[in-house]
Structures are given as structure tokens and as C-alpha cells.
């Protein structure tokens, strides 16, 4: 609906959303990118990456996973390596782009 456009920007900022309550509501409304933003904002990177991995396995599109991984920091290196492996197998050039970016994290 038209009112859903405010959800993403809201979730990208510090908020007091309860994941247990918001998660089912976002899923019921098929607000998948907003769900990922909720996980990211709450530091639930493994949950976000699991969700993205499931979606990528179905769609064979790994862009969202690579974009998410690219926003993580060096402190998240174990997660980055773990969730890059499936992308590396399916889309090597895309996976390698994660490590050849000019950005510093």
C-alpha cells in the first residue's frame, strides 16, 4: 500500500521495534527488504543472511546477499566468509566483487 513506503526508512534508523512482533507482520505483508532492514538494524546479521540465502537459492539472484555482506564490517568477517561461499559457487564474479571494492570497512 501507499503507507508502506515509510517502513524502510524507519527501520534503517535506531528504533524500538520488537523483532518478535514485527517479523511476522512484515512477512505477512511480503515486505522482504524491510524485514532484512529490521534484522540489520537490530544487529541480527545471521538471521538476515539466512533469510537472504533462502531467497537467493530460490531466485538464483545473489545481489541482495552481496549488498548486505558489503555493509558489514571487519568484525563480521566470519559471517562474511561463511555466506560468501555459496555465492562464490553460484556467481563467482559477483562474490569476488565483494572483496575487490574500493570501499574501506
C-alpha atoms as a PDB file:
ATOM      1  CA  UNK A   1       0.000   0.000   0.000  1.00  0.00           C
ATOM      2  CA  UNK A   2       0.971   3.629  -0.196  1.00  0.00           C
ATOM      3  CA  UNK A   3       1.682   3.859   3.530  1.00  0.00           C
ATOM      4  CA  UNK A   4       4.340   1.112   3.434  1.00  0.00           C
ATOM      5  CA  UNK A   5       6.932   3.439   1.892  1.00  0.00           C
ATOM      6  CA  UNK A   6       7.754   4.849   5.343  1.00  0.00           C
ATOM      7  CA  UNK A   7       8.579   1.479   6.873  1.00  0.00           C
ATOM      8  CA  UNK A   8      12.008   1.035   5.263  1.00  0.00           C
ATOM      9  CA  UNK A   9      13.381   4.457   6.252  1.00  0.00           C
ATOM     10  CA  UNK A  10      12.001   3.988   9.763  1.00  0.00           C
ATOM     11  CA  UNK A  11      13.684   0.603  10.165  1.00  0.00           C
ATOM     12  CA  UNK A  12      17.039   1.916   8.918  1.00  0.00           C
ATOM     13  CA  UNK A  13      17.227   4.298  11.879  1.00  0.00           C
ATOM     14  CA  UNK A  14      17.633   3.336  15.533  1.00  0.00           C
ATOM     15  CA  UNK A  15      14.209   2.193  16.695  1.00  0.00           C
ATOM     16  CA  UNK A  16      12.450   0.284  19.433  1.00  0.00           C
ATOM     17  CA  UNK A  17      10.769  -2.287  17.195  1.00  0.00           C
ATOM     18  CA  UNK A  18      10.345  -5.691  18.783  1.00  0.00           C
ATOM     19  CA  UNK A  19      11.607  -8.242  16.260  1.00  0.00           C
ATOM     20  CA  UNK A  20       9.262 -10.960  17.531  1.00  0.00           C
ATOM     21  CA  UNK A  21       6.256  -8.733  16.836  1.00  0.00           C
ATOM     22  CA  UNK A  22       7.434  -7.015  13.647  1.00  0.00           C
ATOM     23  CA  UNK A  23       8.857 -10.057  11.886  1.00  0.00           C
ATOM     24  CA  UNK A  24       5.501 -11.808  11.301  1.00  0.00           C
ATOM     25  CA  UNK A  25       3.801  -8.564  10.276  1.00  0.00           C
ATOM     26  CA  UNK A  26       6.479  -7.733   7.709  1.00  0.00           C
ATOM     27  CA  UNK A  27       6.434 -11.288   6.366  1.00  0.00           C
ATOM     28  CA  UNK A  28       2.642 -11.319   6.110  1.00  0.00           C
ATOM     29  CA  UNK A  29       2.824  -8.137   4.036  1.00  0.00           C
ATOM     30  CA  UNK A  30       5.674  -9.561   1.900  1.00  0.00           C
ATOM     31  CA  UNK A  31       7.893  -6.640   2.915  1.00  0.00           C
ATOM     32  CA  UNK A  32      11.072  -8.654   2.468  1.00  0.00           C
ATOM     33  CA  UNK A  33      13.612  -5.842   2.146  1.00  0.00           C
ATOM     34  CA  UNK A  34      12.088  -4.178   5.194  1.00  0.00           C
ATOM     35  CA  UNK A  35      12.436  -7.439   7.118  1.00  0.00           C
ATOM     36  CA  UNK A  36      16.122  -7.546   6.208  1.00  0.00           C
ATOM     37  CA  UNK A  37      16.468  -3.918   7.357  1.00  0.00           C
ATOM     38  CA  UNK A  38      14.852  -4.832  10.676  1.00  0.00           C
ATOM     39  CA  UNK A  39      17.369  -7.638  11.174  1.00  0.00           C
ATOM     40  CA  UNK A  40      20.264  -5.340  10.194  1.00  0.00           C
ATOM     41  CA  UNK A  41      19.151  -2.528  12.496  1.00  0.00           C
ATOM     42  CA  UNK A  42      18.956  -4.963  15.396  1.00  0.00           C
ATOM     43  CA  UNK A  43      22.358  -6.484  14.622  1.00  0.00           C
ATOM     44  CA  UNK A  44      20.787  -9.817  13.680  1.00  0.00           C
ATOM     45  CA  UNK A  45      23.111 -10.321  10.739  1.00  0.00           C
ATOM     46  CA  UNK A  46      22.982 -14.112  10.783  1.00  0.00           C
ATOM     47  CA  UNK A  47      19.170 -14.064  10.593  1.00  0.00           C
ATOM     48  CA  UNK A  48      19.295 -11.565   7.738  1.00  0.00           C
ATOM     49  CA  UNK A  49      21.849 -13.616   5.856  1.00  0.00           C
ATOM     50  CA  UNK A  50      19.941 -16.863   6.399  1.00  0.00           C
ATOM     51  CA  UNK A  51      16.823 -15.212   5.022  1.00  0.00           C
ATOM     52  CA  UNK A  52      18.736 -13.788   2.040  1.00  0.00           C
ATOM     53  CA  UNK A  53      20.381 -17.163   1.392  1.00  0.00           C
ATOM     54  CA  UNK A  54      16.982 -18.880   1.280  1.00  0.00           C
ATOM     55  CA  UNK A  55      15.644 -16.291  -1.156  1.00  0.00           C
ATOM     56  CA  UNK A  56      18.778 -16.474  -3.305  1.00  0.00           C
ATOM     57  CA  UNK A  57      18.543 -20.262  -3.507  1.00  0.00           C
ATOM     58  CA  UNK A  58      15.022 -19.930  -4.910  1.00  0.00           C
ATOM     59  CA  UNK A  59      15.627 -16.986  -7.229  1.00  0.00           C
ATOM     60  CA  UNK A  60      19.291 -17.607  -8.168  1.00  0.00           C
ATOM     61  CA  UNK A  61      19.894 -13.905  -7.585  1.00  0.00           C
ATOM     62  CA  UNK A  62      22.628 -13.090  -5.117  1.00  0.00           C
ATOM     63  CA  UNK A  63      22.754  -9.307  -5.428  1.00  0.00           C
ATOM     64  CA  UNK A  64      20.906  -8.669  -2.156  1.00  0.00           C
ATOM     65  CA  UNK A  65      23.229 -11.032  -0.298  1.00  0.00           C
ATOM     66  CA  UNK A  66      26.350  -9.353  -1.693  1.00  0.00           C
ATOM     67  CA  UNK A  67      24.935  -5.901  -0.933  1.00  0.00           C
ATOM     68  CA  UNK A  68      24.213  -6.957   2.653  1.00  0.00           C
ATOM     69  CA  UNK A  69      27.631  -8.523   3.102  1.00  0.00           C
ATOM     70  CA  UNK A  70      29.238  -5.381   1.724  1.00  0.00           C
ATOM     71  CA  UNK A  71      27.684  -3.314   4.505  1.00  0.00           C
ATOM     72  CA  UNK A  72      29.192  -5.457   7.252  1.00  0.00           C
ATOM     73  CA  UNK A  73      32.455  -4.578   8.957  1.00  0.00           C
ATOM     74  CA  UNK A  74      35.697  -6.463   9.509  1.00  0.00           C
ATOM     75  CA  UNK A  75      34.316  -7.534  12.870  1.00  0.00           C
ATOM     76  CA  UNK A  76      31.799  -9.627  10.919  1.00  0.00           C
ATOM     77  CA  UNK A  77      34.452 -11.383   8.826  1.00  0.00           C
ATOM     78  CA  UNK A  78      33.408 -14.931   9.880  1.00  0.00           C
ATOM     79  CA  UNK A  79      29.856 -14.242   8.677  1.00  0.00           C
ATOM     80  CA  UNK A  80      31.127 -12.609   5.500  1.00  0.00           C
ATOM     81  CA  UNK A  81      33.245 -15.640   4.664  1.00  0.00           C
ATOM     82  CA  UNK A  82      30.523 -18.137   5.563  1.00  0.00           C
ATOM     83  CA  UNK A  83      27.825 -16.502   3.444  1.00  0.00           C
ATOM     84  CA  UNK A  84      30.115 -15.639   0.537  1.00  0.00           C
ATOM     85  CA  UNK A  85      30.926 -19.304  -0.147  1.00  0.00           C
ATOM     86  CA  UNK A  86      27.510 -20.204  -1.657  1.00  0.00           C
ATOM     87  CA  UNK A  87      27.617 -17.043  -3.770  1.00  0.00           C
ATOM     88  CA  UNK A  88      31.145 -17.872  -4.874  1.00  0.00           C
ATOM     89  CA  UNK A  89      29.950 -21.254  -6.102  1.00  0.00           C
ATOM     90  CA  UNK A  90      26.916 -19.871  -7.945  1.00  0.00           C
ATOM     91  CA  UNK A  91      28.161 -16.485  -9.140  1.00  0.00           C
ATOM     92  CA  UNK A  92      31.950 -16.220  -8.740  1.00  0.00           C
ATOM     93  CA  UNK A  93      32.332 -12.775 -10.334  1.00  0.00           C
ATOM     94  CA  UNK A  94      29.659 -11.319  -8.085  1.00  0.00           C
ATOM     95  CA  UNK A  95      31.202 -12.866  -4.974  1.00  0.00           C
ATOM     96  CA  UNK A  96      34.668 -11.637  -5.870  1.00  0.00           C
ATOM     97  CA  UNK A  97      33.302  -8.121  -6.324  1.00  0.00           C
ATOM     98  CA  UNK A  98      32.715  -8.061  -2.583  1.00  0.00           C
ATOM     99  CA  UNK A  99      36.449  -8.328  -1.973  1.00  0.00           C
ATOM    100  CA  UNK A 100      37.614  -6.050  -4.772  1.00  0.00           C
ATOM    101  CA  UNK A 101      35.582  -2.972  -3.896  1.00  0.00           C
ATOM    102  CA  UNK A 102      37.416   0.276  -3.223  1.00  0.00           C
ATOM    103  CA  UNK A 103      35.425   0.944  -0.036  1.00  0.00           C
ATOM    104  CA  UNK A 104      37.031   0.605   3.369  1.00  0.00           C
ATOM    105  CA  UNK A 105      35.289  -1.223   6.234  1.00  0.00           C
END
